[in-house]
Amino acid sequence: MGVKAKKGDWVQIHSIVLKAEERTGKIPEDTKKVPLEMWVKGFLNDDSNFGDIVSLTTLTGRQVKGELVEVNPKYIHSFGDEYVPELLRVGIQVRSILKEGED
């Protein structure tokens, strides 16, 4: 199998932080039944294939290891189906602050 990701590519890795049986007893029952998982995005440190355990460097400079699961991952998130008026105000405030910095 050929190399699927090259050193320096923006990638996402996945790892299991705690297996279900390793989790604390002070969490909800449904949470206890599943592992604690981690997904991290960063720049790949070496050429690798999908499924390999790799090392990446995050935007904050951390070195993290995990299974290579995606190259050029998208940011897919939402704040649910509800309108969040605070987010609209934050956007306006940020634009105002940035404009003040130009002066």
PDB file of N, CA and C in Angstrom:
ATOM      1  N   MET A   1       0.847  -1.179   0.000  1.00  0.00           N
ATOM      2  CA  MET A   1       0.000   0.000   0.000  1.00  0.00           C
ATOM      3  C   MET A   1       0.891   1.239   0.000  1.00  0.00           C
ATOM      4  N   GLY A   2       0.573   2.230  -0.830  1.00  0.00           N
ATOM      5  CA  GLY A   2       1.376   3.434  -0.931  1.00  0.00           C
ATOM      6  C   GLY A   2       1.094   4.425   0.190  1.00  0.00           C
ATOM      7  N   VAL A   3       1.915   5.447   0.245  1.00  0.00           N
ATOM      8  CA  VAL A   3       1.753   6.499   1.243  1.00  0.00           C
ATOM      9  C   VAL A   3       0.478   7.282   0.937  1.00  0.00           C
ATOM     10  N   LYS A   4      -0.332   7.488   1.951  1.00  0.00           N
ATOM     11  CA  LYS A   4      -1.591   8.205   1.767  1.00  0.00           C
ATOM     12  C   LYS A   4      -1.514   9.633   2.294  1.00  0.00           C
ATOM     13  N   ALA A   5      -0.570   9.893   3.178  1.00  0.00           N
ATOM     14  CA  ALA A   5      -0.422  11.233   3.732  1.00  0.00           C
ATOM     15  C   ALA A   5       1.066  11.557   3.820  1.00  0.00           C
ATOM     16  N   LYS A   6       1.383  12.777   3.523  1.00  0.00           N
ATOM     17  CA  LYS A   6       2.787  13.192   3.507  1.00  0.00           C
ATOM     18  C   LYS A   6       3.095  14.094   4.693  1.00  0.00           C
ATOM     19  N   LYS A   7       4.348  14.082   5.094  1.00  0.00           N
ATOM     20  CA  LYS A   7       4.820  14.945   6.174  1.00  0.00           C
ATOM     21  C   LYS A   7       4.370  16.380   5.895  1.00  0.00           C
ATOM     22  N   GLY A   8       3.795  17.022   6.905  1.00  0.00           N
ATOM     23  CA  GLY A   8       3.332  18.399   6.761  1.00  0.00           C
ATOM     24  C   GLY A   8       1.875  18.532   6.389  1.00  0.00           C
ATOM     25  N   ASP A   9       1.227  17.412   5.957  1.00  0.00           N
ATOM     26  CA  ASP A   9      -0.203  17.469   5.640  1.00  0.00           C
ATOM     27  C   ASP A   9      -1.006  17.793   6.892  1.00  0.00           C
ATOM     28  N   TRP A  10      -2.121  18.513   6.705  1.00  0.00           N
ATOM     29  CA  TRP A  10      -3.074  18.787   7.781  1.00  0.00           C
ATOM     30  C   TRP A  10      -3.938  17.532   7.914  1.00  0.00           C
ATOM     31  N   VAL A  11      -3.897  16.900   9.099  1.00  0.00           N
ATOM     32  CA  VAL A  11      -4.566  15.613   9.289  1.00  0.00           C
ATOM     33  C   VAL A  11      -5.341  15.584  10.599  1.00  0.00           C
ATOM     34  N   GLN A  12      -6.128  14.536  10.739  1.00  0.00           N
ATOM     35  CA  GLN A  12      -6.827  14.279  12.009  1.00  0.00           C
ATOM     36  C   GLN A  12      -6.466  12.879  12.476  1.00  0.00           C
ATOM     37  N   ILE A  13      -6.214  12.765  13.790  1.00  0.00           N
ATOM     38  CA  ILE A  13      -5.936  11.466  14.388  1.00  0.00           C
ATOM     39  C   ILE A  13      -7.008  11.159  15.427  1.00  0.00           C
ATOM     40  N   HIS A  14      -7.070   9.884  15.801  1.00  0.00           N
ATOM     41  CA  HIS A  14      -8.035   9.421  16.793  1.00  0.00           C
ATOM     42  C   HIS A  14      -7.318   8.489  17.751  1.00  0.00           C
ATOM     43  N   SER A  15      -7.702   8.567  19.024  1.00  0.00           N
ATOM     44  CA  SER A  15      -7.168   7.610  19.992  1.00  0.00           C
ATOM     45  C   SER A  15      -8.171   7.417  21.124  1.00  0.00           C
ATOM     46  N   ILE A  16      -8.027   6.294  21.799  1.00  0.00           N
ATOM     47  CA  ILE A  16      -8.832   5.997  22.979  1.00  0.00           C
ATOM     48  C   ILE A  16      -8.020   6.445  24.188  1.00  0.00           C
ATOM     49  N   VAL A  17      -8.555   7.392  24.942  1.00  0.00           N
ATOM     50  CA  VAL A  17      -7.871   7.910  26.126  1.00  0.00           C
ATOM     51  C   VAL A  17      -8.085   6.950  27.293  1.00  0.00           C
ATOM     52  N   LEU A  18      -9.337   6.516  27.486  1.00  0.00           N
ATOM     53  CA  LEU A  18      -9.679   5.544  28.528  1.00  0.00           C
ATOM     54  C   LEU A  18     -10.665   4.538  27.968  1.00  0.00           C
ATOM     55  N   LYS A  19     -10.432   3.256  28.205  1.00  0.00           N
ATOM     56  CA  LYS A  19     -11.405   2.239  27.841  1.00  0.00           C
ATOM     57  C   LYS A  19     -12.604   2.382  28.775  1.00  0.00           C
ATOM     58  N   ALA A  20     -13.752   1.860  28.353  1.00  0.00           N
ATOM     59  CA  ALA A  20     -14.972   1.996  29.155  1.00  0.00           C
ATOM     60  C   ALA A  20     -14.754   1.519  30.584  1.00  0.00           C
ATOM     61  N   GLU A  21     -14.068   0.391  30.755  1.00  0.00           N
ATOM     62  CA  GLU A  21     -13.872  -0.174  32.098  1.00  0.00           C
ATOM     63  C   GLU A  21     -12.875   0.628  32.946  1.00  0.00           C
ATOM     64  N   GLU A  22     -12.151   1.551  32.326  1.00  0.00           N
ATOM     65  CA  GLU A  22     -11.180   2.364  33.052  1.00  0.00           C
ATOM     66  C   GLU A  22     -11.759   3.697  33.540  1.00  0.00           C
ATOM     67  N   ARG A  23     -12.983   4.000  33.119  1.00  0.00           N
ATOM     68  CA  ARG A  23     -13.577   5.292  33.462  1.00  0.00           C
ATOM     69  C   ARG A  23     -14.042   5.322  34.912  1.00  0.00           C
ATOM     70  N   THR A  24     -14.054   6.508  35.485  1.00  0.00           N
ATOM     71  CA  THR A  24     -14.451   6.682  36.874  1.00  0.00           C
ATOM     72  C   THR A  24     -15.913   6.313  37.097  1.00  0.00           C
ATOM     73  N   GLY A  25     -16.245   5.957  38.317  1.00  0.00           N
ATOM     74  CA  GLY A  25     -17.617   5.599  38.657  1.00  0.00           C
ATOM     75  C   GLY A  25     -18.511   6.805  38.857  1.00  0.00           C
ATOM     76  N   LYS A  26     -17.941   7.993  38.857  1.00  0.00           N
ATOM     77  CA  LYS A  26     -18.700   9.209  39.151  1.00  0.00           C
ATOM     78  C   LYS A  26     -19.200   9.907  37.890  1.00  0.00           C
ATOM     79  N   ILE A  27     -19.602   9.122  36.903  1.00  0.00           N
ATOM     80  CA  ILE A  27     -20.161   9.678  35.664  1.00  0.00           C
ATOM     81  C   ILE A  27     -21.470   8.961  35.373  1.00  0.00           C
ATOM     82  N   PRO A  28     -22.329   9.533  34.524  1.00  0.00           N
ATOM     83  CA  PRO A  28     -23.607   8.892  34.208  1.00  0.00           C
ATOM     84  C   PRO A  28     -23.417   7.470  33.669  1.00  0.00           C
ATOM     85  N   GLU A  29     -24.384   6.607  33.935  1.00  0.00           N
ATOM     86  CA  GLU A  29     -24.313   5.198  33.528  1.00  0.00           C
ATOM     87  C   GLU A  29     -24.067   5.031  32.030  1.00  0.00           C
ATOM     88  N   ASP A  30     -24.769   5.807  31.191  1.00  0.00           N
ATOM     89  CA  ASP A  30     -24.579   5.650  29.741  1.00  0.00           C
ATOM     90  C   ASP A  30     -23.174   6.065  29.313  1.00  0.00           C
ATOM     91  N   THR A  31     -22.576   7.020  30.017  1.00  0.00           N
ATOM     92  CA  THR A  31     -21.226   7.466  29.714  1.00  0.00           C
ATOM     93  C   THR A  31     -20.204   6.404  30.109  1.00  0.00           C
ATOM     94  N   LYS A  32     -20.448   5.697  31.202  1.00  0.00           N
ATOM     95  CA  LYS A  32     -19.539   4.645  31.675  1.00  0.00           C
ATOM     96  C   LYS A  32     -19.393   3.513  30.663  1.00  0.00           C
ATOM     97  N   LYS A  33     -20.385   3.341  29.806  1.00  0.00           N
ATOM     98  CA  LYS A  33     -20.405   2.208  28.883  1.00  0.00           C
ATOM     99  C   LYS A  33     -19.551   2.415  27.632  1.00  0.00           C
ATOM    100  N   VAL A  34     -19.041   3.612  27.434  1.00  0.00           N
ATOM    101  CA  VAL A  34     -18.281   3.896  26.208  1.00  0.00           C
ATOM    102  C   VAL A  34     -16.893   4.433  26.550  1.00  0.00           C
ATOM    103  N   PRO A  35     -15.929   4.236  25.670  1.00  0.00           N
ATOM    104  CA  PRO A  35     -14.582   4.752  25.935  1.00  0.00           C
ATOM    105  C   PRO A  35     -14.544   6.273  25.821  1.00  0.00           C
ATOM    106  N   LEU A  36     -13.548   6.868  26.448  1.00  0.00           N
ATOM    107  CA  LEU A  36     -13.280   8.288  26.284  1.00  0.00           C
ATOM    108  C   LEU A  36     -12.353   8.412  25.078  1.00  0.00           C
ATOM    109  N   GLU A  37     -12.822   9.070  24.035  1.00  0.00           N
ATOM    110  CA  GLU A  37     -12.087   9.160  22.784  1.00  0.00           C
ATOM    111  C   GLU A  37     -11.556  10.567  22.557  1.00  0.00           C
ATOM    112  N   MET A  38     -10.493  10.662  21.759  1.00  0.00           N
ATOM    113  CA  MET A  38      -9.893  11.950  21.439  1.00  0.00           C
ATOM    114  C   MET A  38      -9.644  12.025  19.936  1.00  0.00           C
ATOM    115  N   TRP A  39     -10.014  13.149  19.360  1.00  0.00           N
ATOM    116  CA  TRP A  39      -9.686  13.453  17.972  1.00  0.00           C
ATOM    117  C   TRP A  39      -8.889  14.745  17.993  1.00  0.00           C
ATOM    118  N   VAL A  40      -7.776  14.762  17.268  1.00  0.00           N
ATOM    119  CA  VAL A  40      -6.901  15.930  17.251  1.00  0.00           C
ATOM    120  C   VAL A  40      -6.495  16.220  15.806  1.00  0.00           C
ATOM    121  N   LYS A  41      -6.442  17.508  15.469  1.00  0.00           N
ATOM    122  CA  LYS A  41      -5.991  17.934  14.145  1.00  0.00           C
ATOM    123  C   LYS A  41      -4.634  18.606  14.268  1.00  0.00           C
ATOM    124  N   GLY A  42      -3.811  18.416  13.242  1.00  0.00           N
ATOM    125  CA  GLY A  42      -2.495  19.050  13.236  1.00  0.00           C
ATOM    126  C   GLY A  42      -1.726  18.673  11.990  1.00  0.00           C
ATOM    127  N   PHE A  43      -0.438  19.022  11.997  1.00  0.00           N
ATOM    128  CA  PHE A  43       0.436  18.760  10.853  1.00  0.00           C
ATOM    129  C   PHE A  43       1.198  17.461  11.072  1.00  0.00           C
ATOM    130  N   LEU A  44       1.102  16.556  10.112  1.00  0.00           N
ATOM    131  CA  LEU A  44       1.716  15.238  10.190  1.00  0.00           C
ATOM    132  C   LEU A  44       3.238  15.354  10.236  1.00  0.00           C
ATOM    133  N   ASN A  45       3.857  14.573  11.113  1.00  0.00           N
ATOM    134  CA  ASN A  45       5.310  14.653  11.287  1.00  0.00           C
ATOM    135  C   ASN A  45       6.098  13.742  10.354  1.00  0.00           C
ATOM    136  N   ASP A  46       5.468  12.709   9.772  1.00  0.00           N
ATOM    137  CA  ASP A  46       6.145  11.783   8.860  1.00  0.00           C
ATOM    138  C   ASP A  46       5.153  11.258   7.832  1.00  0.00           C
ATOM    139  N   ASP A  47       5.646  10.858   6.660  1.00  0.00           N
ATOM    140  CA  ASP A  47       4.787  10.195   5.673  1.00  0.00           C
ATOM    141  C   ASP A  47       4.134   8.987   6.333  1.00  0.00           C
ATOM    142  N   SER A  48       2.850   8.768   6.056  1.00  0.00           N
ATOM    143  CA  SER A  48       2.119   7.685   6.725  1.00  0.00           C
ATOM    144  C   SER A  48       0.974   7.182   5.875  1.00  0.00           C
ATOM    145  N   ASN A  49       0.436   6.034   6.275  1.00  0.00           N
ATOM    146  CA  ASN A  49      -0.749   5.448   5.659  1.00  0.00           C
ATOM    147  C   ASN A  49      -1.923   5.581   6.617  1.00  0.00           C
ATOM    148  N   PHE A  50      -3.121   5.581   6.066  1.00  0.00           N
ATOM    149  CA  PHE A  50      -4.308   5.589   6.910  1.00  0.00           C
ATOM    150  C   PHE A  50      -4.276   4.374   7.829  1.00  0.00           C
ATOM    151  N   GLY A  51      -4.658   4.580   9.083  1.00  0.00           N
ATOM    152  CA  GLY A  51      -4.664   3.495  10.054  1.00  0.00           C
ATOM    153  C   GLY A  51      -3.374   3.373  10.840  1.00  0.00           C
ATOM    154  N   ASP A  52      -2.290   4.001  10.361  1.00  0.00           N
ATOM    155  CA  ASP A  52      -1.023   3.978  11.099  1.00  0.00           C
ATOM    156  C   ASP A  52      -1.145   4.803  12.377  1.00  0.00           C
ATOM    157  N   ILE A  53      -0.374   4.439  13.385  1.00  0.00           N
ATOM    158  CA  ILE A  53      -0.220   5.281  14.560  1.00  0.00           C
ATOM    159  C   ILE A  53       0.845   6.307  14.202  1.00  0.00           C
ATOM    160  N   VAL A  54       0.462   7.575  14.248  1.00  0.00           N
ATOM    161  CA  VAL A  54       1.334   8.642  13.782  1.00  0.00           C
ATOM    162  C   VAL A  54       1.490   9.711  14.855  1.00  0.00           C
ATOM    163  N   SER A  55       2.403  10.614  14.596  1.00  0.00           N
ATOM    164  CA  SER A  55       2.620  11.775  15.452  1.00  0.00           C
ATOM    165  C   SER A  55       2.306  13.015  14.629  1.00  0.00           C
ATOM    166  N   LEU A  56       1.652  13.992  15.264  1.00  0.00           N
ATOM    167  CA  LEU A  56       1.395  15.253  14.591  1.00  0.00           C
ATOM    168  C   LEU A  56       1.743  16.397  15.526  1.00  0.00           C
ATOM    169  N   THR A  57       1.851  17.567  14.946  1.00  0.00           N
ATOM    170  CA  THR A  57       2.103  18.780  15.717  1.00  0.00           C
ATOM    171  C   THR A  57       0.891  19.676  15.571  1.00  0.00           C
ATOM    172  N   THR A  58       0.271  20.041  16.706  1.00  0.00           N
ATOM    173  CA  THR A  58      -0.916  20.882  16.678  1.00  0.00           C
ATOM    174  C   THR A  58      -0.529  22.332  16.417  1.00  0.00           C
ATOM    175  N   LEU A  59      -1.534  23.169  16.191  1.00  0.00           N
ATOM    176  CA  LEU A  59      -1.280  24.595  15.983  1.00  0.00           C
ATOM    177  C   LEU A  59      -0.641  25.249  17.203  1.00  0.00           C
ATOM    178  N   THR A  60      -0.838  24.656  18.383  1.00  0.00           N
ATOM    179  CA  THR A  60      -0.227  25.201  19.603  1.00  0.00           C
ATOM    180  C   THR A  60       1.138  24.595  19.884  1.00  0.00           C
ATOM    181  N   GLY A  61       1.628  23.709  18.975  1.00  0.00           N
ATOM    182  CA  GLY A  61       2.954  23.138  19.118  1.00  0.00           C
ATOM    183  C   GLY A  61       3.017  21.831  19.898  1.00  0.00           C
ATOM    184  N   ARG A  62       1.867  21.297  20.330  1.00  0.00           N
ATOM    185  CA  ARG A  62       1.873  20.015  21.050  1.00  0.00           C
ATOM    186  C   ARG A  62       2.159  18.879  20.082  1.00  0.00           C
ATOM    187  N   GLN A  63       2.861  17.857  20.561  1.00  0.00           N
ATOM    188  CA  GLN A  63       3.098  16.632  19.805  1.00  0.00           C
ATOM    189  C   GLN A  63       2.093  15.602  20.327  1.00  0.00           C
ATOM    190  N   VAL A  64       1.279  15.039  19.442  1.00  0.00           N
ATOM    191  CA  VAL A  64       0.230  14.104  19.835  1.00  0.00           C
ATOM    192  C   VAL A  64       0.295  12.888  18.926  1.00  0.00           C
ATOM    193  N   LYS A  65       0.043  11.700  19.504  1.00  0.00           N
ATOM    194  CA  LYS A  65       0.041  10.454  18.723  1.00  0.00           C
ATOM    195  C   LYS A  65      -1.358   9.868  18.683  1.00  0.00           C
ATOM    196  N   GLY A  66      -1.660   9.204  17.567  1.00  0.00           N
ATOM    197  CA  GLY A  66      -2.933   8.527  17.410  1.00  0.00           C
ATOM    198  C   GLY A  66      -3.018   7.896  16.039  1.00  0.00           C
ATOM    199  N   GLU A  67      -4.152   7.275  15.759  1.00  0.00           N
ATOM    200  CA  GLU A  67      -4.385   6.616  14.472  1.00  0.00           C
ATOM    201  C   GLU A  67      -4.764   7.650  13.423  1.00  0.00           C
ATOM    202  N   LEU A  68      -4.066   7.633  12.291  1.00  0.00           N
ATOM    203  CA  LEU A  68      -4.371   8.553  11.194  1.00  0.00           C
ATOM    204  C   LEU A  68      -5.730   8.183  10.595  1.00  0.00           C
ATOM    205  N   VAL A  69      -6.676   9.134  10.641  1.00  0.00           N
ATOM    206  CA  VAL A  69      -8.017   8.839  10.144  1.00  0.00           C
ATOM    207  C   VAL A  69      -8.466   9.737   8.994  1.00  0.00           C
ATOM    208  N   GLU A  70      -7.816  10.903   8.822  1.00  0.00           N
ATOM    209  CA  GLU A  70      -8.281  11.793   7.754  1.00  0.00           C
ATOM    210  C   GLU A  70      -7.184  12.779   7.365  1.00  0.00           C
ATOM    211  N   VAL A  71      -7.145  13.097   6.072  1.00  0.00           N
ATOM    212  CA  VAL A  71      -6.273  14.145   5.561  1.00  0.00           C
ATOM    213  C   VAL A  71      -7.167  15.310   5.158  1.00  0.00           C
ATOM    214  N   ASN A  72      -6.739  16.514   5.460  1.00  0.00           N
ATOM    215  CA  ASN A  72      -7.511  17.733   5.197  1.00  0.00           C
ATOM    216  C   ASN A  72      -8.919  17.649   5.804  1.00  0.00           C
ATOM    217  N   PRO A  73      -9.006  17.389   7.110  1.00  0.00           N
ATOM    218  CA  PRO A  73     -10.318  17.262   7.749  1.00  0.00           C
ATOM    219  C   PRO A  73     -11.075  18.587   7.743  1.00  0.00           C
ATOM    220  N   LYS A  74     -12.390  18.467   7.634  1.00  0.00           N
ATOM    221  CA  LYS A  74     -13.245  19.647   7.653  1.00  0.00           C
ATOM    222  C   LYS A  74     -13.627  19.956   9.095  1.00  0.00           C
ATOM    223  N   TYR A  75     -13.990  21.195   9.351  1.00  0.00           N
ATOM    224  CA  TYR A  75     -14.558  21.563  10.645  1.00  0.00           C
ATOM    225  C   TYR A  75     -16.064  21.410  10.521  1.00  0.00           C
ATOM    226  N   ILE A  76     -16.593  20.401  11.188  1.00  0.00           N
ATOM    227  CA  ILE A  76     -18.027  20.142  11.136  1.00  0.00           C
ATOM    228  C   ILE A  76     -18.558  20.237  12.554  1.00  0.00           C
ATOM    229  N   HIS A  77     -19.212  21.323  12.850  1.00  0.00           N
ATOM    230  CA  HIS A  77     -19.811  21.503  14.161  1.00  0.00           C
ATOM    231  C   HIS A  77     -21.000  22.443  14.032  1.00  0.00           C
ATOM    232  N   SER A  78     -21.815  22.453  15.045  1.00  0.00           N
ATOM    233  CA  SER A  78     -22.943  23.377  15.053  1.00  0.00           C
ATOM    234  C   SER A  78     -23.289  23.687  16.506  1.00  0.00           C
ATOM    235  N   PHE A  79     -24.192  24.596  16.664  1.00  0.00           N
ATOM    236  CA  PHE A  79     -24.687  24.932  17.989  1.00  0.00           C
ATOM    237  C   PHE A  79     -26.118  24.439  18.123  1.00  0.00           C
ATOM    238  N   GLY A  80     -26.443  23.385  17.366  1.00  0.00           N
ATOM    239  CA  GLY A  80     -27.773  22.801  17.432  1.00  0.00           C
ATOM    240  C   GLY A  80     -28.723  23.469  16.460  1.00  0.00           C
ATOM    241  N   ASP A  81     -29.989  23.119  16.592  1.00  0.00           N
ATOM    242  CA  ASP A  81     -31.014  23.637  15.688  1.00  0.00           C
ATOM    243  C   ASP A  81     -31.578  24.973  16.132  1.00  0.00           C
ATOM    244  N   GLU A  82     -31.149  25.451  17.280  1.00  0.00           N
ATOM    245  CA  GLU A  82     -31.682  26.695  17.820  1.00  0.00           C
ATOM    246  C   GLU A  82     -30.835  27.885  17.391  1.00  0.00           C
ATOM    247  N   TYR A  83     -31.487  29.012  17.213  1.00  0.00           N
ATOM    248  CA  TYR A  83     -30.806  30.274  16.950  1.00  0.00           C
ATOM    249  C   TYR A  83     -30.123  30.718  18.236  1.00  0.00           C
ATOM    250  N   VAL A  84     -28.867  31.151  18.147  1.00  0.00           N
ATOM    251  CA  VAL A  84     -28.110  31.590  19.323  1.00  0.00           C
ATOM    252  C   VAL A  84     -27.788  33.070  19.137  1.00  0.00           C
ATOM    253  N   PRO A  85     -28.601  33.952  19.728  1.00  0.00           N
ATOM    254  CA  PRO A  85     -28.414  35.390  19.501  1.00  0.00           C
ATOM    255  C   PRO A  85     -27.064  35.906  19.979  1.00  0.00           C
ATOM    256  N   GLU A  86     -26.483  35.283  20.993  1.00  0.00           N
ATOM    257  CA  GLU A  86     -25.176  35.709  21.499  1.00  0.00           C
ATOM    258  C   GLU A  86     -24.100  35.615  20.420  1.00  0.00           C
ATOM    259  N   LEU A  87     -24.214  34.614  19.560  1.00  0.00           N
ATOM    260  CA  LEU A  87     -23.217  34.450  18.505  1.00  0.00           C
ATOM    261  C   LEU A  87     -23.275  35.584  17.496  1.00  0.00           C
ATOM    262  N   LEU A  88     -24.455  36.072  17.220  1.00  0.00           N
ATOM    263  CA  LEU A  88     -24.594  37.203  16.311  1.00  0.00           C
ATOM    264  C   LEU A  88     -23.912  38.428  16.907  1.00  0.00           C
ATOM    265  N   ARG A  89     -24.148  38.685  18.189  1.00  0.00           N
ATOM    266  CA  ARG A  89     -23.541  39.836  18.859  1.00  0.00           C
ATOM    267  C   ARG A  89     -22.016  39.703  18.917  1.00  0.00           C
ATOM    268  N   VAL A  90     -21.529  38.506  19.161  1.00  0.00           N
ATOM    269  CA  VAL A  90     -20.082  38.289  19.213  1.00  0.00           C
ATOM    270  C   VAL A  90     -19.457  38.636  17.871  1.00  0.00           C
ATOM    271  N   GLY A  91     -20.085  38.209  16.783  1.00  0.00           N
ATOM    272  CA  GLY A  91     -19.565  38.515  15.453  1.00  0.00           C
ATOM    273  C   GLY A  91     -19.469  40.009  15.215  1.00  0.00           C
ATOM    274  N   ILE A  92     -20.481  40.739  15.631  1.00  0.00           N
ATOM    275  CA  ILE A  92     -20.487  42.197  15.474  1.00  0.00           C
ATOM    276  C   ILE A  92     -19.375  42.816  16.321  1.00  0.00           C
ATOM    277  N   GLN A  93     -19.220  42.335  17.558  1.00  0.00           N
ATOM    278  CA  GLN A  93     -18.179  42.860  18.447  1.00  0.00           C
ATOM    279  C   GLN A  93     -16.781  42.598  17.874  1.00  0.00           C
ATOM    280  N   VAL A  94     -16.548  41.419  17.364  1.00  0.00           N
ATOM    281  CA  VAL A  94     -15.233  41.084  16.810  1.00  0.00           C
ATOM    282  C   VAL A  94     -14.914  41.980  15.626  1.00  0.00           C
ATOM    283  N   ARG A  95     -15.889  42.180  14.741  1.00  0.00           N
ATOM    284  CA  ARG A  95     -15.655  43.056  13.584  1.00  0.00           C
ATOM    285  C   ARG A  95     -15.320  44.475  14.037  1.00  0.00           C
ATOM    286  N   SER A  96     -16.014  44.961  15.070  1.00  0.00           N
ATOM    287  CA  SER A  96     -15.755  46.292  15.601  1.00  0.00           C
ATOM    288  C   SER A  96     -14.346  46.402  16.179  1.00  0.00           C
ATOM    289  N   ILE A  97     -13.938  45.401  16.934  1.00  0.00           N
ATOM    290  CA  ILE A  97     -12.598  45.389  17.532  1.00  0.00           C
ATOM    291  C   ILE A  97     -11.528  45.360  16.444  1.00  0.00           C
ATOM    292  N   LEU A  98     -11.737  44.538  15.426  1.00  0.00           N
ATOM    293  CA  LEU A  98     -10.764  44.455  14.333  1.00  0.00           C
ATOM    294  C   LEU A  98     -10.664  45.777  13.584  1.00  0.00           C
ATOM    295  N   LYS A  99     -11.808  46.424  13.381  1.00  0.00           N
ATOM    296  CA  LYS A  99     -11.812  47.712  12.673  1.00  0.00           C
ATOM    297  C   LYS A  99     -11.078  48.759  13.496  1.00  0.00           C
ATOM    298  N   GLU A 100     -11.274  48.748  14.816  1.00  0.00           N
ATOM    299  CA  GLU A 100     -10.569  49.711  15.694  1.00  0.00           C
ATOM    300  C   GLU A 100      -9.065  49.502  15.602  1.00  0.00           C
ATOM    301  N   GLY A 101      -8.627  48.249  15.456  1.00  0.00           N
ATOM    302  CA  GLY A 101      -7.194  47.944  15.368  1.00  0.00           C
ATOM    303  C   GLY A 101      -6.555  48.465  14.098  1.00  0.00           C
ATOM    304  N   GLU A 102      -7.369  48.698  13.059  1.00  0.00           N
ATOM    305  CA  GLU A 102      -6.847  49.212  11.789  1.00  0.00           C
ATOM    306  C   GLU A 102      -6.537  50.701  11.874  1.00  0.00           C
ATOM    307  N   ASP A 103      -7.189  51.398  12.793  1.00  0.00           N
ATOM    308  CA  ASP A 103      -7.030  52.856  12.904  1.00  0.00           C
ATOM    309  C   ASP A 103      -5.768  53.271  13.580  1.00  0.00           C
TER     310      ASP A 103
END
